[in-house]
Amino acid sequence: MSNLKQYEFDVAMSCSGCSGAVERVLKRWKEKEYSDLEYTTNLDTQKVNVTAPETLSYDAIFEKINKVKPVSAGREITA
């Protein structure tokens, strides 16, 4: 099992359809390529939290989410 990293992204999500779009793209990615990928979306705070294998870069996650909804900021969460 690979080491995991945690990230938090500020994403423009104004409705459940918006958060659902982000969830769908991350779910497909998990099913097809990254079985260790975990994520949560929070519509109230407009945040997406992602736990991913270290082989999956911050930039790749940012770009994947940004394709469906604008990401204004992101950061790695360290323990």
N, C-alpha and C. Protein backbone atom coordinates (compact mmCIF):
# COMPACT_ATOMS: atom_id res chain seq x y z
N MET A 1 0.84 -1.18 0.00
CA MET A 1 0.00 0.00 0.00
C MET A 1 0.89 1.24 0.00
N SER A 2 0.54 2.19 -0.78
CA SER A 2 1.34 3.41 -0.88
C SER A 2 1.00 4.36 0.26
N ASN A 3 1.91 5.29 0.48
CA ASN A 3 1.64 6.35 1.45
C ASN A 3 0.59 7.28 0.89
N LEU A 4 -0.19 7.86 1.79
CA LEU A 4 -1.28 8.73 1.37
C LEU A 4 -0.99 10.17 1.78
N LYS A 5 -1.49 11.09 0.98
CA LYS A 5 -1.40 12.52 1.27
C LYS A 5 -2.81 13.08 1.32
N GLN A 6 -2.99 14.14 2.12
CA GLN A 6 -4.30 14.78 2.23
C GLN A 6 -4.24 16.20 1.68
N TYR A 7 -5.30 16.56 0.96
CA TYR A 7 -5.40 17.88 0.36
C TYR A 7 -6.77 18.46 0.64
N GLU A 8 -6.83 19.79 0.67
CA GLU A 8 -8.10 20.50 0.79
C GLU A 8 -8.16 21.55 -0.31
N PHE A 9 -9.29 21.60 -1.02
CA PHE A 9 -9.47 22.53 -2.12
C PHE A 9 -10.69 23.40 -1.87
N ASP A 10 -10.57 24.68 -2.16
CA ASP A 10 -11.70 25.62 -2.11
C ASP A 10 -12.32 25.64 -3.50
N VAL A 11 -13.55 25.15 -3.60
CA VAL A 11 -14.19 24.95 -4.89
C VAL A 11 -15.52 25.71 -4.94
N ALA A 12 -15.75 26.40 -6.04
CA ALA A 12 -17.00 27.16 -6.22
C ALA A 12 -18.15 26.17 -6.45
N MET A 13 -18.86 25.85 -5.37
CA MET A 13 -20.01 24.94 -5.43
C MET A 13 -21.19 25.65 -4.78
N SER A 14 -22.21 25.96 -5.55
CA SER A 14 -23.34 26.70 -5.01
C SER A 14 -24.61 25.86 -4.84
N CYS A 15 -24.57 24.61 -5.30
CA CYS A 15 -25.75 23.75 -5.19
C CYS A 15 -25.32 22.29 -5.14
N SER A 16 -26.28 21.42 -4.87
CA SER A 16 -25.96 19.99 -4.79
C SER A 16 -25.54 19.44 -6.15
N GLY A 17 -26.00 20.06 -7.22
CA GLY A 17 -25.56 19.65 -8.56
C GLY A 17 -24.08 19.92 -8.75
N CYS A 18 -23.61 21.03 -8.20
CA CYS A 18 -22.19 21.39 -8.30
C CYS A 18 -21.33 20.39 -7.54
N SER A 19 -21.69 20.12 -6.29
CA SER A 19 -20.91 19.16 -5.51
C SER A 19 -21.02 17.76 -6.11
N GLY A 20 -22.19 17.44 -6.67
CA GLY A 20 -22.37 16.15 -7.32
C GLY A 20 -21.47 15.98 -8.53
N ALA A 21 -21.24 17.06 -9.28
CA ALA A 21 -20.36 17.00 -10.45
C ALA A 21 -18.93 16.69 -10.02
N VAL A 22 -18.48 17.32 -8.94
CA VAL A 22 -17.14 17.05 -8.41
C VAL A 22 -17.05 15.61 -7.93
N GLU A 23 -18.06 15.15 -7.20
CA GLU A 23 -18.08 13.78 -6.70
C GLU A 23 -18.04 12.77 -7.83
N ARG A 24 -18.78 13.02 -8.90
CA ARG A 24 -18.82 12.08 -10.03
C ARG A 24 -17.45 11.94 -10.69
N VAL A 25 -16.77 13.07 -10.91
CA VAL A 25 -15.47 12.99 -11.58
C VAL A 25 -14.44 12.28 -10.69
N LEU A 26 -14.48 12.54 -9.39
CA LEU A 26 -13.55 11.87 -8.48
C LEU A 26 -13.90 10.39 -8.33
N LYS A 27 -15.18 10.06 -8.33
CA LYS A 27 -15.61 8.66 -8.24
C LYS A 27 -15.12 7.86 -9.44
N ARG A 28 -15.26 8.43 -10.64
CA ARG A 28 -14.78 7.75 -11.85
C ARG A 28 -13.28 7.53 -11.80
N TRP A 29 -12.56 8.54 -11.33
CA TRP A 29 -11.11 8.45 -11.22
C TRP A 29 -10.73 7.33 -10.25
N LYS A 30 -11.44 7.26 -9.12
CA LYS A 30 -11.19 6.21 -8.12
C LYS A 30 -11.45 4.83 -8.72
N GLU A 31 -12.55 4.69 -9.42
CA GLU A 31 -12.93 3.39 -9.98
C GLU A 31 -11.98 2.94 -11.09
N LYS A 32 -11.47 3.87 -11.87
CA LYS A 32 -10.66 3.51 -13.03
C LYS A 32 -9.16 3.47 -12.77
N GLU A 33 -8.66 4.35 -11.88
CA GLU A 33 -7.21 4.46 -11.75
C GLU A 33 -6.66 4.42 -10.33
N TYR A 34 -7.35 5.02 -9.40
CA TYR A 34 -6.78 5.21 -8.05
C TYR A 34 -7.73 4.67 -6.99
N SER A 35 -7.64 3.37 -6.73
CA SER A 35 -8.56 2.76 -5.77
C SER A 35 -8.36 3.29 -4.35
N ASP A 36 -7.18 3.84 -4.05
CA ASP A 36 -6.91 4.39 -2.71
C ASP A 36 -7.47 5.80 -2.54
N LEU A 37 -7.98 6.40 -3.59
CA LEU A 37 -8.48 7.77 -3.55
C LEU A 37 -9.74 7.86 -2.68
N GLU A 38 -9.74 8.78 -1.74
CA GLU A 38 -10.92 9.05 -0.91
C GLU A 38 -11.20 10.54 -0.98
N TYR A 39 -12.47 10.92 -0.86
CA TYR A 39 -12.82 12.34 -0.99
C TYR A 39 -14.12 12.63 -0.27
N THR A 40 -14.27 13.88 0.14
CA THR A 40 -15.53 14.37 0.68
C THR A 40 -15.75 15.77 0.12
N THR A 41 -17.00 16.11 -0.09
CA THR A 41 -17.35 17.47 -0.50
C THR A 41 -18.24 18.06 0.59
N ASN A 42 -18.07 19.36 0.82
CA ASN A 42 -18.89 20.06 1.80
C ASN A 42 -19.45 21.30 1.12
N LEU A 43 -20.71 21.26 0.81
CA LEU A 43 -21.37 22.36 0.11
C LEU A 43 -21.40 23.63 0.96
N ASP A 44 -21.60 23.49 2.27
CA ASP A 44 -21.68 24.66 3.16
C ASP A 44 -20.37 25.45 3.19
N THR A 45 -19.25 24.74 3.26
CA THR A 45 -17.95 25.42 3.33
C THR A 45 -17.29 25.56 1.96
N GLN A 46 -17.88 24.91 0.95
CA GLN A 46 -17.34 24.89 -0.42
C GLN A 46 -15.92 24.34 -0.44
N LYS A 47 -15.73 23.24 0.28
CA LYS A 47 -14.43 22.58 0.35
C LYS A 47 -14.54 21.15 -0.13
N VAL A 48 -13.48 20.70 -0.77
CA VAL A 48 -13.34 19.30 -1.17
C VAL A 48 -12.07 18.79 -0.50
N ASN A 49 -12.20 17.73 0.27
CA ASN A 49 -11.04 17.10 0.91
C ASN A 49 -10.74 15.80 0.18
N VAL A 50 -9.47 15.62 -0.14
CA VAL A 50 -9.04 14.46 -0.90
C VAL A 50 -7.88 13.79 -0.18
N THR A 51 -7.97 12.48 -0.03
CA THR A 51 -6.85 11.67 0.43
C THR A 51 -6.45 10.81 -0.75
N ALA A 52 -5.18 10.91 -1.14
CA ALA A 52 -4.73 10.27 -2.38
C ALA A 52 -3.37 9.62 -2.17
N PRO A 53 -3.07 8.60 -2.99
CA PRO A 53 -1.73 8.03 -2.93
C PRO A 53 -0.69 9.09 -3.31
N GLU A 54 0.49 8.98 -2.74
CA GLU A 54 1.51 9.99 -3.00
C GLU A 54 1.93 10.03 -4.47
N THR A 55 1.62 8.99 -5.23
CA THR A 55 1.94 8.98 -6.66
C THR A 55 1.02 9.90 -7.45
N LEU A 56 -0.07 10.33 -6.85
CA LEU A 56 -1.01 11.25 -7.50
C LEU A 56 -0.69 12.66 -7.02
N SER A 57 -0.29 13.52 -7.93
CA SER A 57 0.19 14.85 -7.53
C SER A 57 -0.95 15.81 -7.20
N TYR A 58 -0.59 16.80 -6.40
CA TYR A 58 -1.50 17.89 -6.07
C TYR A 58 -2.02 18.54 -7.36
N ASP A 59 -1.11 18.83 -8.29
CA ASP A 59 -1.49 19.50 -9.54
C ASP A 59 -2.50 18.69 -10.34
N ALA A 60 -2.33 17.37 -10.38
CA ALA A 60 -3.26 16.51 -11.12
C ALA A 60 -4.65 16.56 -10.50
N ILE A 61 -4.72 16.54 -9.17
CA ILE A 61 -6.02 16.60 -8.49
C ILE A 61 -6.66 17.96 -8.72
N PHE A 62 -5.87 19.02 -8.58
CA PHE A 62 -6.36 20.38 -8.81
C PHE A 62 -6.97 20.49 -10.21
N GLU A 63 -6.23 20.02 -11.21
CA GLU A 63 -6.71 20.11 -12.60
C GLU A 63 -7.98 19.30 -12.82
N LYS A 64 -8.05 18.12 -12.23
CA LYS A 64 -9.22 17.25 -12.39
C LYS A 64 -10.48 17.93 -11.84
N ILE A 65 -10.38 18.50 -10.64
CA ILE A 65 -11.53 19.18 -10.03
C ILE A 65 -11.85 20.46 -10.80
N ASN A 66 -10.82 21.20 -11.17
CA ASN A 66 -10.99 22.49 -11.84
C ASN A 66 -11.66 22.35 -13.21
N LYS A 67 -11.60 21.17 -13.81
CA LYS A 67 -12.27 20.95 -15.10
C LYS A 67 -13.79 20.99 -14.96
N VAL A 68 -14.30 20.64 -13.77
CA VAL A 68 -15.76 20.63 -13.59
C VAL A 68 -16.27 21.82 -12.78
N LYS A 69 -15.47 22.32 -11.86
CA LYS A 69 -15.85 23.48 -11.04
C LYS A 69 -14.58 24.27 -10.72
N PRO A 70 -14.67 25.60 -10.74
CA PRO A 70 -13.47 26.41 -10.47
C PRO A 70 -12.91 26.19 -9.05
N VAL A 71 -11.61 25.99 -9.00
CA VAL A 71 -10.89 25.86 -7.73
C VAL A 71 -10.17 27.18 -7.48
N SER A 72 -10.46 27.82 -6.35
CA SER A 72 -9.82 29.11 -6.06
C SER A 72 -8.52 28.94 -5.27
N ALA A 73 -8.39 27.84 -4.54
CA ALA A 73 -7.18 27.60 -3.76
C ALA A 73 -7.14 26.13 -3.34
N GLY A 74 -5.97 25.70 -2.95
CA GLY A 74 -5.81 24.35 -2.46
C GLY A 74 -4.56 24.28 -1.61
N ARG A 75 -4.47 23.24 -0.81
CA ARG A 75 -3.32 23.10 0.06
C ARG A 75 -3.17 21.65 0.47
N GLU A 76 -1.93 21.28 0.78
CA GLU A 76 -1.70 19.97 1.36
C GLU A 76 -1.91 20.09 2.86
N ILE A 77 -2.59 19.13 3.43
CA ILE A 77 -2.82 19.10 4.87
C ILE A 77 -1.78 18.17 5.48
N THR A 78 -0.99 18.68 6.39
CA THR A 78 0.03 17.87 7.04
C THR A 78 -0.41 17.51 8.44
N ALA A 79 0.01 16.34 8.87
CA ALA A 79 -0.39 15.85 10.20
C ALA A 79 0.32 16.58 11.30
